[in-house]
C-alpha atoms as a PDB file:
ATOM      1  CA  UNK A   1      30.949 -33.714  94.464  1.00  0.00           C
ATOM      2  CA  UNK A   2      33.731 -36.276  94.618  1.00  0.00           C
ATOM      3  CA  UNK A   3      33.025 -39.322  96.762  1.00  0.00           C
ATOM      4  CA  UNK A   4      35.145 -42.348  97.612  1.00  0.00           C
ATOM      5  CA  UNK A   5      33.332 -45.131  99.449  1.00  0.00           C
ATOM      6  CA  UNK A   6      35.255 -48.081 100.839  1.00  0.00           C
ATOM      7  CA  UNK A   7      33.726 -51.431 101.720  1.00  0.00           C
ATOM      8  CA  UNK A   8      34.745 -55.015 102.434  1.00  0.00           C
ATOM      9  CA  UNK A   9      36.452 -54.656 105.784  1.00  0.00           C
ATOM     10  CA  UNK A  10      35.786 -56.929 108.736  1.00  0.00           C
ATOM     11  CA  UNK A  11      37.195 -59.398 111.222  1.00  0.00           C
ATOM     12  CA  UNK A  12      39.417 -62.156 109.843  1.00  0.00           C
ATOM     13  CA  UNK A  13      41.713 -64.744 111.387  1.00  0.00           C
ATOM     14  CA  UNK A  14      45.476 -64.629 110.838  1.00  0.00           C
ATOM     15  CA  UNK A  15      46.309 -66.169 107.484  1.00  0.00           C
ATOM     16  CA  UNK A  16      42.930 -65.249 106.074  1.00  0.00           C
ATOM     17  CA  UNK A  17      41.963 -63.024 103.152  1.00  0.00           C
ATOM     18  CA  UNK A  18      39.783 -60.015 102.444  1.00  0.00           C
ATOM     19  CA  UNK A  19      39.025 -57.909  99.397  1.00  0.00           C
ATOM     20  CA  UNK A  20      38.418 -54.221  99.888  1.00  0.00           C
ATOM     21  CA  UNK A  21      36.570 -52.114  97.330  1.00  0.00           C
ATOM     22  CA  UNK A  22      36.500 -48.365  96.815  1.00  0.00           C
ATOM     23  CA  UNK A  23      33.760 -46.957  94.608  1.00  0.00           C
ATOM     24  CA  UNK A  24      34.488 -43.507  93.202  1.00  0.00           C
ATOM     25  CA  UNK A  25      32.071 -40.911  91.850  1.00  0.00           C
ATOM     26  CA  UNK A  26      32.230 -37.256  90.883  1.00  0.00           C
ATOM     27  CA  UNK A  27      35.332 -37.424  88.702  1.00  0.00           C
ATOM     28  CA  UNK A  28      36.590 -39.166  85.578  1.00  0.00           C
ATOM     29  CA  UNK A  29      37.923 -42.227  87.345  1.00  0.00           C
ATOM     30  CA  UNK A  30      40.055 -43.516  84.486  1.00  0.00           C
ATOM     31  CA  UNK A  31      42.162 -40.342  84.536  1.00  0.00           C
ATOM     32  CA  UNK A  32      43.239 -40.662  88.153  1.00  0.00           C
ATOM     33  CA  UNK A  33      45.830 -42.923  89.776  1.00  0.00           C
ATOM     34  CA  UNK A  34      44.536 -44.522  92.953  1.00  0.00           C
ATOM     35  CA  UNK A  35      46.061 -45.476  96.270  1.00  0.00           C
ATOM     36  CA  UNK A  36      45.306 -47.400  99.421  1.00  0.00           C
ATOM     37  CA  UNK A  37      46.534 -46.265 102.837  1.00  0.00           C
ATOM     38  CA  UNK A  38      46.011 -47.539 106.360  1.00  0.00           C
ATOM     39  CA  UNK A  39      46.087 -46.186 109.881  1.00  0.00           C
ATOM     40  CA  UNK A  40      46.569 -48.398 112.901  1.00  0.00           C
ATOM     41  CA  UNK A  41      45.517 -47.225 116.382  1.00  0.00           C
ATOM     42  CA  UNK A  42      47.941 -44.641 117.728  1.00  0.00           C
ATOM     43  CA  UNK A  43      49.948 -44.528 114.510  1.00  0.00           C
ATOM     44  CA  UNK A  44      50.191 -42.294 111.476  1.00  0.00           C
ATOM     45  CA  UNK A  45      48.458 -43.053 108.199  1.00  0.00           C
ATOM     46  CA  UNK A  46      50.791 -45.073 105.975  1.00  0.00           C
ATOM     47  CA  UNK A  47      50.988 -45.854 102.282  1.00  0.00           C
ATOM     48  CA  UNK A  48      49.935 -49.380 101.287  1.00  0.00           C
ATOM     49  CA  UNK A  49      49.589 -49.570  97.508  1.00  0.00           C
ATOM     50  CA  UNK A  50      49.265 -47.469  94.351  1.00  0.00           C
ATOM     51  CA  UNK A  51      47.988 -48.141  90.852  1.00  0.00           C
ATOM     52  CA  UNK A  52      48.342 -46.047  87.711  1.00  0.00           C
ATOM     53  CA  UNK A  53      45.426 -44.864  85.598  1.00  0.00           C
ATOM     54  CA  UNK A  54      45.337 -47.826  83.218  1.00  0.00           C
ATOM     55  CA  UNK A  55      46.383 -50.288  85.890  1.00  0.00           C
ATOM     56  CA  UNK A  56      49.594 -51.150  84.088  1.00  0.00           C
ATOM     57  CA  UNK A  57      51.876 -50.299  87.010  1.00  0.00           C
ATOM     58  CA  UNK A  58      51.498 -50.972  90.707  1.00  0.00           C
ATOM     59  CA  UNK A  59      53.579 -50.142  93.772  1.00  0.00           C
ATOM     60  CA  UNK A  60      53.488 -51.573  97.287  1.00  0.00           C
ATOM     61  CA  UNK A  61      54.808 -50.897 100.739  1.00  0.00           C
ATOM     62  CA  UNK A  62      57.483 -53.469 101.640  1.00  0.00           C
ATOM     63  CA  UNK A  63      55.345 -54.777 104.493  1.00  0.00           C
ATOM     64  CA  UNK A  64      52.561 -55.905 102.144  1.00  0.00           C
ATOM     65  CA  UNK A  65      54.413 -56.742  98.924  1.00  0.00           C
ATOM     66  CA  UNK A  66      53.685 -60.292  97.854  1.00  0.00           C
ATOM     67  CA  UNK A  67      50.559 -60.510 100.019  1.00  0.00           C
ATOM     68  CA  UNK A  68      48.389 -57.632  98.793  1.00  0.00           C
ATOM     69  CA  UNK A  69      47.259 -56.882  95.243  1.00  0.00           C
ATOM     70  CA  UNK A  70      45.796 -53.598  94.058  1.00  0.00           C
ATOM     71  CA  UNK A  71      43.636 -53.564  90.942  1.00  0.00           C
ATOM     72  CA  UNK A  72      41.031 -51.391  89.286  1.00  0.00           C
ATOM     73  CA  UNK A  73      38.036 -51.643  86.996  1.00  0.00           C
ATOM     74  CA  UNK A  74      37.683 -48.405  85.048  1.00  0.00           C
ATOM     75  CA  UNK A  75      34.303 -49.528  83.707  1.00  0.00           C
ATOM     76  CA  UNK A  76      32.990 -49.709  87.280  1.00  0.00           C
ATOM     77  CA  UNK A  77      34.910 -46.714  88.692  1.00  0.00           C
ATOM     78  CA  UNK A  78      36.215 -48.983  91.424  1.00  0.00           C
ATOM     79  CA  UNK A  79      39.605 -49.827  92.880  1.00  0.00           C
ATOM     80  CA  UNK A  80      40.249 -53.004  94.853  1.00  0.00           C
ATOM     81  CA  UNK A  81      42.736 -54.277  97.389  1.00  0.00           C
ATOM     82  CA  UNK A  82      43.042 -58.027  97.668  1.00  0.00           C
ATOM     83  CA  UNK A  83      44.721 -58.949 100.967  1.00  0.00           C
ATOM     84  CA  UNK A  84      46.051 -62.456 101.519  1.00  0.00           C
ATOM     85  CA  UNK A  85      48.023 -64.054 104.358  1.00  0.00           C
ATOM     86  CA  UNK A  86      46.754 -61.417 106.740  1.00  0.00           C
ATOM     87  CA  UNK A  87      48.661 -60.764 109.955  1.00  0.00           C
ATOM     88  CA  UNK A  88      47.592 -59.112 113.212  1.00  0.00           C
ATOM     89  CA  UNK A  89      49.829 -56.170 112.326  1.00  0.00           C
ATOM     90  CA  UNK A  90      47.640 -55.531 109.269  1.00  0.00           C
ATOM     91  CA  UNK A  91      44.867 -54.417 111.629  1.00  0.00           C
ATOM     92  CA  UNK A  92      43.979 -50.837 110.725  1.00  0.00           C
ATOM     93  CA  UNK A  93      41.443 -48.578 109.117  1.00  0.00           C
ATOM     94  CA  UNK A  94      42.023 -48.752 105.361  1.00  0.00           C
ATOM     95  CA  UNK A  95      41.443 -45.709 103.179  1.00  0.00           C
ATOM     96  CA  UNK A  96      41.442 -45.179  99.443  1.00  0.00           C
ATOM     97  CA  UNK A  97      42.726 -41.952  98.023  1.00  0.00           C
ATOM     98  CA  UNK A  98      43.093 -40.040  94.774  1.00  0.00           C
ATOM     99  CA  UNK A  99      44.526 -36.561  94.403  1.00  0.00           C
ATOM    100  CA  UNK A 100      43.370 -34.714  97.543  1.00  0.00           C
ATOM    101  CA  UNK A 101      40.284 -36.886  98.062  1.00  0.00           C
ATOM    102  CA  UNK A 102      39.924 -39.577 100.734  1.00  0.00           C
ATOM    103  CA  UNK A 103      37.273 -42.107 101.582  1.00  0.00           C
ATOM    104  CA  UNK A 104      35.836 -42.558 105.065  1.00  0.00           C
ATOM    105  CA  UNK A 105      37.759 -45.764 105.671  1.00  0.00           C
ATOM    106  CA  UNK A 106      36.885 -49.372 106.400  1.00  0.00           C
ATOM    107  CA  UNK A 107      38.060 -51.282 109.469  1.00  0.00           C
ATOM    108  CA  UNK A 108      40.138 -54.430 109.039  1.00  0.00           C
ATOM    109  CA  UNK A 109      40.811 -56.478 112.163  1.00  0.00           C
ATOM    110  CA  UNK A 110      43.058 -59.535 112.050  1.00  0.00           C
ATOM    111  CA  UNK A 111      42.682 -61.591 115.193  1.00  0.00           C
ATOM    112  CA  UNK A 112      42.089 -65.134 116.361  1.00  0.00           C
END
């Protein structure tokens, strides 16, 4: 059974940082590209970032490029999302995804 479990969300002030983690089990992690998505209240789920299997290429939504960094550790079957210079508009539930599998999400709230 494939499982994706996100963690690391929370409440942070504008300008602050968080690192999200997504631990994956039930598949050969190193063979799968990984992505992060987010869904704000009342909005559709949007793409945030993507990383290839070996981590050699990454892609970002324009709204987060330069502030967020996606990375992975294939030895730990985990993908990360480092978020810096957070803004209130980054508030959302963040999900990791691979293929047709999604995690349950972790809430990120940016507020003073």
